[in-house]
PDB file of N, CA and C in Angstrom:
ATOM      1  N   UNK A   1     -82.377 -33.193-298.837  1.00  0.00           N
ATOM      2  CA  UNK A   1     -81.004 -32.798-299.111  1.00  0.00           C
ATOM      3  C   UNK A   1     -80.981 -31.318-299.495  1.00  0.00           C
ATOM      4  N   UNK A   2     -80.399 -30.495-298.681  1.00  0.00           N
ATOM      5  CA  UNK A   2     -80.395 -29.049-298.910  1.00  0.00           C
ATOM      6  C   UNK A   2     -79.611 -28.652-300.148  1.00  0.00           C
ATOM      7  N   UNK A   3     -78.518 -29.327-300.410  1.00  0.00           N
ATOM      8  CA  UNK A   3     -77.674 -28.983-301.544  1.00  0.00           C
ATOM      9  C   UNK A   3     -78.449 -29.108-302.857  1.00  0.00           C
ATOM     10  N   UNK A   4     -79.107 -30.232-303.043  1.00  0.00           N
ATOM     11  CA  UNK A   4     -79.866 -30.462-304.273  1.00  0.00           C
ATOM     12  C   UNK A   4     -80.999 -29.443-304.408  1.00  0.00           C
ATOM     13  N   UNK A   5     -81.711 -29.206-303.315  1.00  0.00           N
ATOM     14  CA  UNK A   5     -82.806 -28.238-303.338  1.00  0.00           C
ATOM     15  C   UNK A   5     -82.292 -26.841-303.676  1.00  0.00           C
ATOM     16  N   UNK A   6     -81.157 -26.477-303.106  1.00  0.00           N
ATOM     17  CA  UNK A   6     -80.568 -25.171-303.375  1.00  0.00           C
ATOM     18  C   UNK A   6     -80.250 -25.019-304.855  1.00  0.00           C
ATOM     19  N   UNK A   7     -79.608 -26.016-305.436  1.00  0.00           N
ATOM     20  CA  UNK A   7     -79.223 -25.926-306.847  1.00  0.00           C
ATOM     21  C   UNK A   7     -80.455 -25.808-307.740  1.00  0.00           C
ATOM     22  N   UNK A   8     -81.488 -26.592-307.455  1.00  0.00           N
ATOM     23  CA  UNK A   8     -82.710 -26.531-308.261  1.00  0.00           C
ATOM     24  C   UNK A   8     -83.400 -25.175-308.120  1.00  0.00           C
ATOM     25  N   UNK A   9     -83.497 -24.691-306.890  1.00  0.00           N
ATOM     26  CA  UNK A   9     -84.132 -23.402-306.637  1.00  0.00           C
ATOM     27  C   UNK A   9     -83.363 -22.276-307.326  1.00  0.00           C
ATOM     28  N   UNK A  10     -82.046 -22.274-307.160  1.00  0.00           N
ATOM     29  CA  UNK A  10     -81.213 -21.224-307.736  1.00  0.00           C
ATOM     30  C   UNK A  10     -81.360 -21.186-309.256  1.00  0.00           C
ATOM     31  N   UNK A  11     -81.312 -22.350-309.875  1.00  0.00           N
ATOM     32  CA  UNK A  11     -81.452 -22.407-311.334  1.00  0.00           C
ATOM     33  C   UNK A  11     -82.817 -21.890-311.777  1.00  0.00           C
ATOM     34  N   UNK A  12     -83.870 -22.319-311.090  1.00  0.00           N
ATOM     35  CA  UNK A  12     -85.234 -21.922-311.447  1.00  0.00           C
ATOM     36  C   UNK A  12     -85.429 -20.406-311.302  1.00  0.00           C
ATOM     37  N   UNK A  13     -85.022 -19.861-310.173  1.00  0.00           N
ATOM     38  CA  UNK A  13     -85.266 -18.441-309.923  1.00  0.00           C
ATOM     39  C   UNK A  13     -84.322 -17.560-310.738  1.00  0.00           C
ATOM     40  N   UNK A  14     -83.086 -17.980-310.934  1.00  0.00           N
ATOM     41  CA  UNK A  14     -82.194 -17.199-311.796  1.00  0.00           C
ATOM     42  C   UNK A  14     -82.737 -17.120-313.216  1.00  0.00           C
ATOM     43  N   UNK A  15     -83.312 -18.208-313.698  1.00  0.00           N
ATOM     44  CA  UNK A  15     -83.912 -18.209-315.033  1.00  0.00           C
ATOM     45  C   UNK A  15     -85.046 -17.187-315.097  1.00  0.00           C
ATOM     46  N   UNK A  16     -85.881 -17.167-314.069  1.00  0.00           N
ATOM     47  CA  UNK A  16     -86.982 -16.203-314.004  1.00  0.00           C
ATOM     48  C   UNK A  16     -86.453 -14.771-313.965  1.00  0.00           C
ATOM     49  N   UNK A  17     -85.435 -14.539-313.150  1.00  0.00           N
ATOM     50  CA  UNK A  17     -84.857 -13.201-313.040  1.00  0.00           C
ATOM     51  C   UNK A  17     -84.308 -12.754-314.387  1.00  0.00           C
ATOM     52  N   UNK A  18     -83.601 -13.639-315.082  1.00  0.00           N
ATOM     53  CA  UNK A  18     -83.010 -13.275-316.367  1.00  0.00           C
ATOM     54  C   UNK A  18     -84.063 -13.071-317.456  1.00  0.00           C
ATOM     55  N   UNK A  19     -85.203 -13.738-317.320  1.00  0.00           N
ATOM     56  CA  UNK A  19     -86.282 -13.552-318.294  1.00  0.00           C
ATOM     57  C   UNK A  19     -87.092 -12.284-318.009  1.00  0.00           C
ATOM     58  N   UNK A  20     -87.312 -12.004-316.735  1.00  0.00           N
ATOM     59  CA  UNK A  20     -88.235 -10.934-316.371  1.00  0.00           C
ATOM     60  C   UNK A  20     -87.575  -9.705-315.758  1.00  0.00           C
ATOM     61  N   UNK A  21     -86.314  -9.819-315.377  1.00  0.00           N
ATOM     62  CA  UNK A  21     -85.651  -8.727-314.675  1.00  0.00           C
ATOM     63  C   UNK A  21     -85.324  -7.535-315.562  1.00  0.00           C
ATOM     64  N   UNK A  22     -84.911  -6.474-314.920  1.00  0.00           N
ATOM     65  CA  UNK A  22     -84.560  -5.255-315.641  1.00  0.00           C
ATOM     66  C   UNK A  22     -83.206  -5.411-316.328  1.00  0.00           C
ATOM     67  N   UNK A  23     -82.914  -4.471-317.188  1.00  0.00           N
ATOM     68  CA  UNK A  23     -81.635  -4.469-317.882  1.00  0.00           C
ATOM     69  C   UNK A  23     -80.490  -4.366-316.872  1.00  0.00           C
ATOM     70  N   UNK A  24     -80.667  -3.569-315.834  1.00  0.00           N
ATOM     71  CA  UNK A  24     -79.624  -3.430-314.818  1.00  0.00           C
ATOM     72  C   UNK A  24     -79.349  -4.758-314.128  1.00  0.00           C
ATOM     73  N   UNK A  25     -80.402  -5.492-313.800  1.00  0.00           N
ATOM     74  CA  UNK A  25     -80.233  -6.798-313.169  1.00  0.00           C
ATOM     75  C   UNK A  25     -79.489  -7.741-314.103  1.00  0.00           C
ATOM     76  N   UNK A  26     -79.878  -7.763-315.356  1.00  0.00           N
ATOM     77  CA  UNK A  26     -79.218  -8.629-316.334  1.00  0.00           C
ATOM     78  C   UNK A  26     -77.753  -8.254-316.506  1.00  0.00           C
ATOM     79  N   UNK A  27     -77.452  -6.967-316.492  1.00  0.00           N
ATOM     80  CA  UNK A  27     -76.066  -6.518-316.597  1.00  0.00           C
ATOM     81  C   UNK A  27     -75.245  -6.972-315.388  1.00  0.00           C
ATOM     82  N   UNK A  28     -75.849  -6.884-314.208  1.00  0.00           N
ATOM     83  CA  UNK A  28     -75.136  -7.311-313.001  1.00  0.00           C
ATOM     84  C   UNK A  28     -74.845  -8.805-313.058  1.00  0.00           C
ATOM     85  N   UNK A  29     -75.828  -9.604-313.462  1.00  0.00           N
ATOM     86  CA  UNK A  29     -75.617 -11.046-313.585  1.00  0.00           C
ATOM     87  C   UNK A  29     -74.502 -11.330-314.591  1.00  0.00           C
ATOM     88  N   UNK A  30     -74.484 -10.594-315.688  1.00  0.00           N
ATOM     89  CA  UNK A  30     -73.441 -10.791-316.695  1.00  0.00           C
ATOM     90  C   UNK A  30     -72.068 -10.407-316.144  1.00  0.00           C
ATOM     91  N   UNK A  31     -71.997  -9.325-315.405  1.00  0.00           N
ATOM     92  CA  UNK A  31     -70.740  -8.907-314.796  1.00  0.00           C
ATOM     93  C   UNK A  31     -70.263  -9.958-313.796  1.00  0.00           C
ATOM     94  N   UNK A  32     -71.182 -10.461-312.996  1.00  0.00           N
ATOM     95  CA  UNK A  32     -70.829 -11.492-312.019  1.00  0.00           C
ATOM     96  C   UNK A  32     -70.233 -12.708-312.716  1.00  0.00           C
ATOM     97  N   UNK A  33     -70.824 -13.100-313.815  1.00  0.00           N
ATOM     98  CA  UNK A  33     -70.321 -14.258-314.559  1.00  0.00           C
ATOM     99  C   UNK A  33     -68.941 -13.981-315.155  1.00  0.00           C
ATOM    100  N   UNK A  34     -68.760 -12.796-315.718  1.00  0.00           N
ATOM    101  CA  UNK A  34     -67.494 -12.499-316.396  1.00  0.00           C
ATOM    102  C   UNK A  34     -66.333 -12.309-315.418  1.00  0.00           C
ATOM    103  N   UNK A  35     -66.607 -11.864-314.208  1.00  0.00           N
ATOM    104  CA  UNK A  35     -65.543 -11.662-313.221  1.00  0.00           C
ATOM    105  C   UNK A  35     -64.834 -12.969-312.894  1.00  0.00           C
ATOM    106  N   UNK A  36     -65.547 -14.077-312.951  1.00  0.00           N
ATOM    107  CA  UNK A  36     -64.978 -15.373-312.564  1.00  0.00           C
ATOM    108  C   UNK A  36     -64.264 -16.094-313.709  1.00  0.00           C
ATOM    109  N   UNK A  37     -64.149 -15.472-314.876  1.00  0.00           N
ATOM    110  CA  UNK A  37     -63.414 -16.096-315.975  1.00  0.00           C
ATOM    111  C   UNK A  37     -61.921 -16.112-315.671  1.00  0.00           C
ATOM    112  N   UNK A  38     -61.216 -17.062-316.282  1.00  0.00           N
ATOM    113  CA  UNK A  38     -59.762 -17.116-316.154  1.00  0.00           C
ATOM    114  C   UNK A  38     -59.159 -15.878-316.814  1.00  0.00           C
ATOM    115  N   UNK A  39     -58.385 -15.168-316.036  1.00  0.00           N
ATOM    116  CA  UNK A  39     -57.612 -14.041-316.558  1.00  0.00           C
ATOM    117  C   UNK A  39     -56.267 -14.097-315.856  1.00  0.00           C
ATOM    118  N   UNK A  40     -55.854 -13.005-315.229  1.00  0.00           N
ATOM    119  CA  UNK A  40     -54.595 -13.022-314.470  1.00  0.00           C
ATOM    120  C   UNK A  40     -54.705 -13.985-313.290  1.00  0.00           C
ATOM    121  N   UNK A  41     -55.877 -14.027-312.683  1.00  0.00           N
ATOM    122  CA  UNK A  41     -56.188 -15.028-311.649  1.00  0.00           C
ATOM    123  C   UNK A  41     -57.060 -16.101-312.284  1.00  0.00           C
ATOM    124  N   UNK A  42     -56.847 -17.315-311.881  1.00  0.00           N
ATOM    125  CA  UNK A  42     -57.652 -18.420-312.415  1.00  0.00           C
ATOM    126  C   UNK A  42     -59.046 -18.402-311.803  1.00  0.00           C
ATOM    127  N   UNK A  43     -59.967 -19.011-312.518  1.00  0.00           N
ATOM    128  CA  UNK A  43     -61.330 -19.182-311.997  1.00  0.00           C
ATOM    129  C   UNK A  43     -61.275 -19.909-310.655  1.00  0.00           C
ATOM    130  N   UNK A  44     -60.406 -20.896-310.571  1.00  0.00           N
ATOM    131  CA  UNK A  44     -60.268 -21.672-309.343  1.00  0.00           C
ATOM    132  C   UNK A  44     -59.915 -20.756-308.166  1.00  0.00           C
ATOM    133  N   UNK A  45     -58.945 -19.887-308.353  1.00  0.00           N
ATOM    134  CA  UNK A  45     -58.546 -18.952-307.300  1.00  0.00           C
ATOM    135  C   UNK A  45     -59.690 -18.004-306.953  1.00  0.00           C
ATOM    136  N   UNK A  46     -60.359 -17.501-307.963  1.00  0.00           N
ATOM    137  CA  UNK A  46     -61.457 -16.560-307.743  1.00  0.00           C
ATOM    138  C   UNK A  46     -62.602 -17.203-306.966  1.00  0.00           C
ATOM    139  N   UNK A  47     -62.872 -18.470-307.212  1.00  0.00           N
ATOM    140  CA  UNK A  47     -63.932 -19.145-306.456  1.00  0.00           C
ATOM    141  C   UNK A  47     -63.553 -19.263-304.982  1.00  0.00           C
ATOM    142  N   UNK A  48     -62.282 -19.519-304.712  1.00  0.00           N
ATOM    143  CA  UNK A  48     -61.835 -19.591-303.320  1.00  0.00           C
ATOM    144  C   UNK A  48     -61.946 -18.220-302.649  1.00  0.00           C
ATOM    145  N   UNK A  49     -61.594 -17.172-303.384  1.00  0.00           N
ATOM    146  CA  UNK A  49     -61.773 -15.820-302.862  1.00  0.00           C
ATOM    147  C   UNK A  49     -63.252 -15.536-302.587  1.00  0.00           C
ATOM    148  N   UNK A  50     -64.105 -15.986-303.494  1.00  0.00           N
ATOM    149  CA  UNK A  50     -65.546 -15.824-303.305  1.00  0.00           C
ATOM    150  C   UNK A  50     -66.038 -16.549-302.064  1.00  0.00           C
ATOM    151  N   UNK A  51     -65.489 -17.729-301.814  1.00  0.00           N
ATOM    152  CA  UNK A  51     -65.870 -18.484-300.619  1.00  0.00           C
ATOM    153  C   UNK A  51     -65.498 -17.721-299.360  1.00  0.00           C
ATOM    154  N   UNK A  52     -64.261 -17.238-299.293  1.00  0.00           N
ATOM    155  CA  UNK A  52     -63.810 -16.508-298.105  1.00  0.00           C
ATOM    156  C   UNK A  52     -64.660 -15.254-297.900  1.00  0.00           C
ATOM    157  N   UNK A  53     -64.900 -14.508-298.961  1.00  0.00           N
ATOM    158  CA  UNK A  53     -65.728 -13.304-298.846  1.00  0.00           C
ATOM    159  C   UNK A  53     -67.139 -13.648-298.377  1.00  0.00           C
ATOM    160  N   UNK A  54     -67.681 -14.741-298.871  1.00  0.00           N
ATOM    161  CA  UNK A  54     -69.041 -15.141-298.494  1.00  0.00           C
ATOM    162  C   UNK A  54     -69.144 -15.487-297.021  1.00  0.00           C
ATOM    163  N   UNK A  55     -68.113 -16.129-296.487  1.00  0.00           N
ATOM    164  CA  UNK A  55     -68.111 -16.445-295.054  1.00  0.00           C
ATOM    165  C   UNK A  55     -68.023 -15.153-294.245  1.00  0.00           C
ATOM    166  N   UNK A  56     -67.127 -14.265-294.637  1.00  0.00           N
ATOM    167  CA  UNK A  56     -66.971 -13.002-293.913  1.00  0.00           C
ATOM    168  C   UNK A  56     -68.266 -12.196-293.965  1.00  0.00           C
ATOM    169  N   UNK A  57     -68.951 -12.232-295.100  1.00  0.00           N
ATOM    170  CA  UNK A  57     -70.224 -11.516-295.236  1.00  0.00           C
ATOM    171  C   UNK A  57     -71.405 -12.286-294.636  1.00  0.00           C
ATOM    172  N   UNK A  58     -71.158 -13.533-294.250  1.00  0.00           N
ATOM    173  CA  UNK A  58     -72.130 -14.379-293.562  1.00  0.00           C
ATOM    174  C   UNK A  58     -73.377 -14.665-294.415  1.00  0.00           C
ATOM    175  N   UNK A  59     -73.128 -15.062-295.660  1.00  0.00           N
ATOM    176  CA  UNK A  59     -74.207 -15.412-296.592  1.00  0.00           C
ATOM    177  C   UNK A  59     -74.142 -16.905-296.886  1.00  0.00           C
ATOM    178  N   UNK A  60     -75.022 -17.689-296.260  1.00  0.00           N
ATOM    179  CA  UNK A  60     -74.981 -19.138-296.443  1.00  0.00           C
ATOM    180  C   UNK A  60     -75.271 -19.562-297.877  1.00  0.00           C
ATOM    181  N   UNK A  61     -76.181 -18.887-298.571  1.00  0.00           N
ATOM    182  CA  UNK A  61     -76.422 -19.228-299.976  1.00  0.00           C
ATOM    183  C   UNK A  61     -75.148 -19.033-300.793  1.00  0.00           C
ATOM    184  N   UNK A  62     -74.445 -17.941-300.533  1.00  0.00           N
ATOM    185  CA  UNK A  62     -73.199 -17.663-301.252  1.00  0.00           C
ATOM    186  C   UNK A  62     -72.119 -18.683-300.882  1.00  0.00           C
ATOM    187  N   UNK A  63     -72.063 -19.041-299.611  1.00  0.00           N
ATOM    188  CA  UNK A  63     -71.101 -20.051-299.162  1.00  0.00           C
ATOM    189  C   UNK A  63     -71.338 -21.352-299.912  1.00  0.00           C
ATOM    190  N   UNK A  64     -72.581 -21.786-299.975  1.00  0.00           N
ATOM    191  CA  UNK A  64     -72.899 -23.044-300.657  1.00  0.00           C
ATOM    192  C   UNK A  64     -72.565 -22.956-302.139  1.00  0.00           C
ATOM    193  N   UNK A  65     -72.899 -21.847-302.766  1.00  0.00           N
ATOM    194  CA  UNK A  65     -72.590 -21.680-304.184  1.00  0.00           C
ATOM    195  C   UNK A  65     -71.085 -21.787-304.426  1.00  0.00           C
ATOM    196  N   UNK A  66     -70.302 -21.055-303.652  1.00  0.00           N
ATOM    197  CA  UNK A  66     -68.854 -21.057-303.878  1.00  0.00           C
ATOM    198  C   UNK A  66     -68.201 -22.367-303.454  1.00  0.00           C
ATOM    199  N   UNK A  67     -68.727 -23.015-302.431  1.00  0.00           N
ATOM    200  CA  UNK A  67     -68.213 -24.348-302.083  1.00  0.00           C
ATOM    201  C   UNK A  67     -68.408 -25.305-303.250  1.00  0.00           C
ATOM    202  N   UNK A  68     -69.594 -25.273-303.824  1.00  0.00           N
ATOM    203  CA  UNK A  68     -69.892 -26.141-304.961  1.00  0.00           C
ATOM    204  C   UNK A  68     -68.904 -25.879-306.100  1.00  0.00           C
ATOM    205  N   UNK A  69     -68.681 -24.614-306.401  1.00  0.00           N
ATOM    206  CA  UNK A  69     -67.756 -24.258-307.479  1.00  0.00           C
ATOM    207  C   UNK A  69     -66.314 -24.638-307.119  1.00  0.00           C
ATOM    208  N   UNK A  70     -65.915 -24.421-305.862  1.00  0.00           N
ATOM    209  CA  UNK A  70     -64.559 -24.786-305.438  1.00  0.00           C
ATOM    210  C   UNK A  70     -64.325 -26.284-305.563  1.00  0.00           C
ATOM    211  N   UNK A  71     -65.319 -27.056-305.185  1.00  0.00           N
ATOM    212  CA  UNK A  71     -65.198 -28.518-305.293  1.00  0.00           C
ATOM    213  C   UNK A  71     -65.153 -28.924-306.765  1.00  0.00           C
ATOM    214  N   UNK A  72     -65.969 -28.287-307.599  1.00  0.00           N
ATOM    215  CA  UNK A  72     -65.892 -28.546-309.049  1.00  0.00           C
ATOM    216  C   UNK A  72     -64.507 -28.223-309.594  1.00  0.00           C
ATOM    217  N   UNK A  73     -63.879 -27.187-309.067  1.00  0.00           N
ATOM    218  CA  UNK A  73     -62.555 -26.765-309.526  1.00  0.00           C
ATOM    219  C   UNK A  73     -61.443 -27.659-308.975  1.00  0.00           C
ATOM    220  N   UNK A  74     -61.773 -28.561-308.055  1.00  0.00           N
ATOM    221  CA  UNK A  74     -60.795 -29.540-307.608  1.00  0.00           C
ATOM    222  C   UNK A  74     -60.159 -29.303-306.255  1.00  0.00           C
ATOM    223  N   UNK A  75     -60.665 -28.352-305.491  1.00  0.00           N
ATOM    224  CA  UNK A  75     -60.096 -28.134-304.155  1.00  0.00           C
ATOM    225  C   UNK A  75     -60.358 -29.332-303.256  1.00  0.00           C
ATOM    226  N   UNK A  76     -59.381 -29.666-302.450  1.00  0.00           N
ATOM    227  CA  UNK A  76     -59.534 -30.727-301.458  1.00  0.00           C
ATOM    228  C   UNK A  76     -60.188 -30.150-300.208  1.00  0.00           C
ATOM    229  N   UNK A  77     -60.677 -31.023-299.356  1.00  0.00           N
ATOM    230  CA  UNK A  77     -61.239 -30.565-298.083  1.00  0.00           C
ATOM    231  C   UNK A  77     -60.208 -29.768-297.295  1.00  0.00           C
ATOM    232  N   UNK A  78     -58.986 -30.252-297.260  1.00  0.00           N
ATOM    233  CA  UNK A  78     -57.942 -29.591-296.489  1.00  0.00           C
ATOM    234  C   UNK A  78     -57.686 -28.174-297.000  1.00  0.00           C
ATOM    235  N   UNK A  79     -57.702 -27.991-298.305  1.00  0.00           N
ATOM    236  CA  UNK A  79     -57.525 -26.651-298.871  1.00  0.00           C
ATOM    237  C   UNK A  79     -58.703 -25.749-298.502  1.00  0.00           C
ATOM    238  N   UNK A  80     -59.902 -26.308-298.560  1.00  0.00           N
ATOM    239  CA  UNK A  80     -61.084 -25.531-298.191  1.00  0.00           C
ATOM    240  C   UNK A  80     -61.039 -25.148-296.716  1.00  0.00           C
ATOM    241  N   UNK A  81     -60.611 -26.069-295.874  1.00  0.00           N
ATOM    242  CA  UNK A  81     -60.519 -25.779-294.434  1.00  0.00           C
ATOM    243  C   UNK A  81     -59.525 -24.645-294.174  1.00  0.00           C
ATOM    244  N   UNK A  82     -58.416 -24.620-294.888  1.00  0.00           N
ATOM    245  CA  UNK A  82     -57.456 -23.525-294.717  1.00  0.00           C
ATOM    246  C   UNK A  82     -58.055 -22.198-295.151  1.00  0.00           C
ATOM    247  N   UNK A  83     -58.795 -22.205-296.236  1.00  0.00           N
ATOM    248  CA  UNK A  83     -59.461 -20.982-296.687  1.00  0.00           C
ATOM    249  C   UNK A  83     -60.480 -20.518-295.644  1.00  0.00           C
ATOM    250  N   UNK A  84     -61.178 -21.473-295.045  1.00  0.00           N
ATOM    251  CA  UNK A  84     -62.137 -21.117-293.995  1.00  0.00           C
ATOM    252  C   UNK A  84     -61.428 -20.552-292.766  1.00  0.00           C
ATOM    253  N   UNK A  85     -60.205 -20.971-292.527  1.00  0.00           N
ATOM    254  CA  UNK A  85     -59.400 -20.369-291.450  1.00  0.00           C
ATOM    255  C   UNK A  85     -59.136 -18.892-291.734  1.00  0.00           C
ATOM    256  N   UNK A  86     -58.840 -18.585-292.995  1.00  0.00           N
ATOM    257  CA  UNK A  86     -58.622 -17.188-293.371  1.00  0.00           C
ATOM    258  C   UNK A  86     -59.900 -16.383-293.121  1.00  0.00           C
ATOM    259  N   UNK A  87     -61.039 -16.941-293.512  1.00  0.00           N
ATOM    260  CA  UNK A  87     -62.318 -16.262-293.279  1.00  0.00           C
ATOM    261  C   UNK A  87     -62.568 -16.038-291.792  1.00  0.00           C
ATOM    262  N   UNK A  88     -62.222 -17.017-290.984  1.00  0.00           N
ATOM    263  CA  UNK A  88     -62.404 -16.897-289.537  1.00  0.00           C
ATOM    264  C   UNK A  88     -61.537 -15.778-288.970  1.00  0.00           C
ATOM    265  N   UNK A  89     -60.297 -15.703-289.394  1.00  0.00           N
ATOM    266  CA  UNK A  89     -59.399 -14.654-288.902  1.00  0.00           C
ATOM    267  C   UNK A  89     -59.881 -13.280-289.349  1.00  0.00           C
ATOM    268  N   UNK A  90     -60.290 -13.166-290.595  1.00  0.00           N
ATOM    269  CA  UNK A  90     -60.744 -11.881-291.122  1.00  0.00           C
ATOM    270  C   UNK A  90     -62.096 -11.491-290.519  1.00  0.00           C
ATOM    271  N   UNK A  91     -63.000 -12.452-290.440  1.00  0.00           N
ATOM    272  CA  UNK A  91     -64.362 -12.151-290.015  1.00  0.00           C
ATOM    273  C   UNK A  91     -64.615 -12.249-288.528  1.00  0.00           C
ATOM    274  N   UNK A  92     -63.762 -12.960-287.813  1.00  0.00           N
ATOM    275  CA  UNK A  92     -63.936 -13.098-286.378  1.00  0.00           C
ATOM    276  C   UNK A  92     -64.908 -14.194-285.994  1.00  0.00           C
ATOM    277  N   UNK A  93     -65.146 -14.266-284.700  1.00  0.00           N
ATOM    278  CA  UNK A  93     -65.940 -15.378-284.156  1.00  0.00           C
ATOM    279  C   UNK A  93     -67.384 -15.384-284.637  1.00  0.00           C
ATOM    280  N   UNK A  94     -67.884 -14.262-285.127  1.00  0.00           N
ATOM    281  CA  UNK A  94     -69.257 -14.217-285.618  1.00  0.00           C
ATOM    282  C   UNK A  94     -69.443 -15.109-286.852  1.00  0.00           C
ATOM    283  N   UNK A  95     -68.328 -15.473-287.503  1.00  0.00           N
ATOM    284  CA  UNK A  95     -68.414 -16.334-288.690  1.00  0.00           C
ATOM    285  C   UNK A  95     -68.482 -17.824-288.336  1.00  0.00           C
ATOM    286  N   UNK A  96     -68.285 -18.178-287.079  1.00  0.00           N
ATOM    287  CA  UNK A  96     -68.240 -19.601-286.698  1.00  0.00           C
ATOM    288  C   UNK A  96     -69.492 -20.367-287.118  1.00  0.00           C
ATOM    289  N   UNK A  97     -70.714 -19.840-286.922  1.00  0.00           N
ATOM    290  CA  UNK A  97     -71.882 -20.601-287.397  1.00  0.00           C
ATOM    291  C   UNK A  97     -71.851 -20.857-288.903  1.00  0.00           C
ATOM    292  N   UNK A  98     -71.292 -19.934-289.646  1.00  0.00           N
ATOM    293  CA  UNK A  98     -71.230 -20.084-291.104  1.00  0.00           C
ATOM    294  C   UNK A  98     -70.125 -21.054-291.508  1.00  0.00           C
ATOM    295  N   UNK A  99     -69.079 -21.121-290.710  1.00  0.00           N
ATOM    296  CA  UNK A  99     -68.034 -22.110-290.952  1.00  0.00           C
ATOM    297  C   UNK A  99     -68.570 -23.507-290.635  1.00  0.00           C
ATOM    298  N   UNK A 100     -69.367 -23.621-289.581  1.00  0.00           N
ATOM    299  CA  UNK A 100     -70.024 -24.907-289.302  1.00  0.00           C
ATOM    300  C   UNK A 100     -70.866 -25.338-290.504  1.00  0.00           C
ATOM    301  N   UNK A 101     -71.638 -24.390-291.018  1.00  0.00           N
ATOM    302  CA  UNK A 101     -72.470 -24.660-292.186  1.00  0.00           C
ATOM    303  C   UNK A 101     -71.602 -25.113-293.362  1.00  0.00           C
ATOM    304  N   UNK A 102     -70.481 -24.438-293.577  1.00  0.00           N
ATOM    305  CA  UNK A 102     -69.593 -24.792-294.690  1.00  0.00           C
ATOM    306  C   UNK A 102     -69.074 -26.216-294.547  1.00  0.00           C
ATOM    307  N   UNK A 103     -68.629 -26.581-293.357  1.00  0.00           N
ATOM    308  CA  UNK A 103     -68.137 -27.950-293.142  1.00  0.00           C
ATOM    309  C   UNK A 103     -69.246 -28.963-293.450  1.00  0.00           C
ATOM    310  N   UNK A 104     -70.442 -28.678-292.982  1.00  0.00           N
ATOM    311  CA  UNK A 104     -71.568 -29.586-293.228  1.00  0.00           C
ATOM    312  C   UNK A 104     -71.862 -29.703-294.728  1.00  0.00           C
ATOM    313  N   UNK A 105     -71.828 -28.577-295.432  1.00  0.00           N
ATOM    314  CA  UNK A 105     -72.149 -28.583-296.852  1.00  0.00           C
ATOM    315  C   UNK A 105     -71.042 -29.228-297.689  1.00  0.00           C
ATOM    316  N   UNK A 106     -69.801 -29.110-297.254  1.00  0.00           N
ATOM    317  CA  UNK A 106     -68.719 -29.802-297.967  1.00  0.00           C
ATOM    318  C   UNK A 106     -69.025 -31.289-298.006  1.00  0.00           C
ATOM    319  N   UNK A 107     -69.396 -31.836-296.865  1.00  0.00           N
ATOM    320  CA  UNK A 107     -69.741 -33.264-296.808  1.00  0.00           C
ATOM    321  C   UNK A 107     -70.938 -33.573-297.710  1.00  0.00           C
ATOM    322  N   UNK A 108     -71.956 -32.725-297.667  1.00  0.00           N
ATOM    323  CA  UNK A 108     -73.156 -32.972-298.462  1.00  0.00           C
ATOM    324  C   UNK A 108     -72.865 -32.903-299.958  1.00  0.00           C
ATOM    325  N   UNK A 109     -72.070 -31.929-300.369  1.00  0.00           N
ATOM    326  CA  UNK A 109     -71.702 -31.814-301.787  1.00  0.00           C
ATOM    327  C   UNK A 109     -70.914 -33.043-302.229  1.00  0.00           C
ATOM    328  N   UNK A 110     -69.960 -33.456-301.416  1.00  0.00           N
ATOM    329  CA  UNK A 110     -69.134 -34.606-301.782  1.00  0.00           C
ATOM    330  C   UNK A 110     -69.954 -35.889-301.882  1.00  0.00           C
ATOM    331  N   UNK A 111     -71.029 -35.991-301.116  1.00  0.00           N
ATOM    332  CA  UNK A 111     -71.870 -37.198-301.153  1.00  0.00           C
ATOM    333  C   UNK A 111     -72.851 -37.201-302.314  1.00  0.00           C
ATOM    334  N   UNK A 112     -73.060 -36.043-302.934  1.00  0.00           N
ATOM    335  CA  UNK A 112     -74.087 -35.964-303.999  1.00  0.00           C
ATOM    336  C   UNK A 112     -73.571 -36.492-305.324  1.00  0.00           C
TER     337      UNK A 112
END
């Protein structure tokens, strides 16, 4: 199961990075965490924005991370599919393999 392996790997390596990384790396991780807090935009909205950006940037690890967070925040499959439509329009046909991956991972996350 790729989803479970991804979560375990990410947690393990992020812990190592935060223990051994430079101050700049730690600051970036902290900034990344704080950007997703509820402010004028909700965390839920920000995770959906992160998903769309990840598809456009064609980063499958990022797609999986944001899908997981979006599902935790309560997005339905239909809402996620609409967001993926936005990514497709913005990113073009080169994003199709990553959208396929997203659809597959939505199912895998929901089954876990």
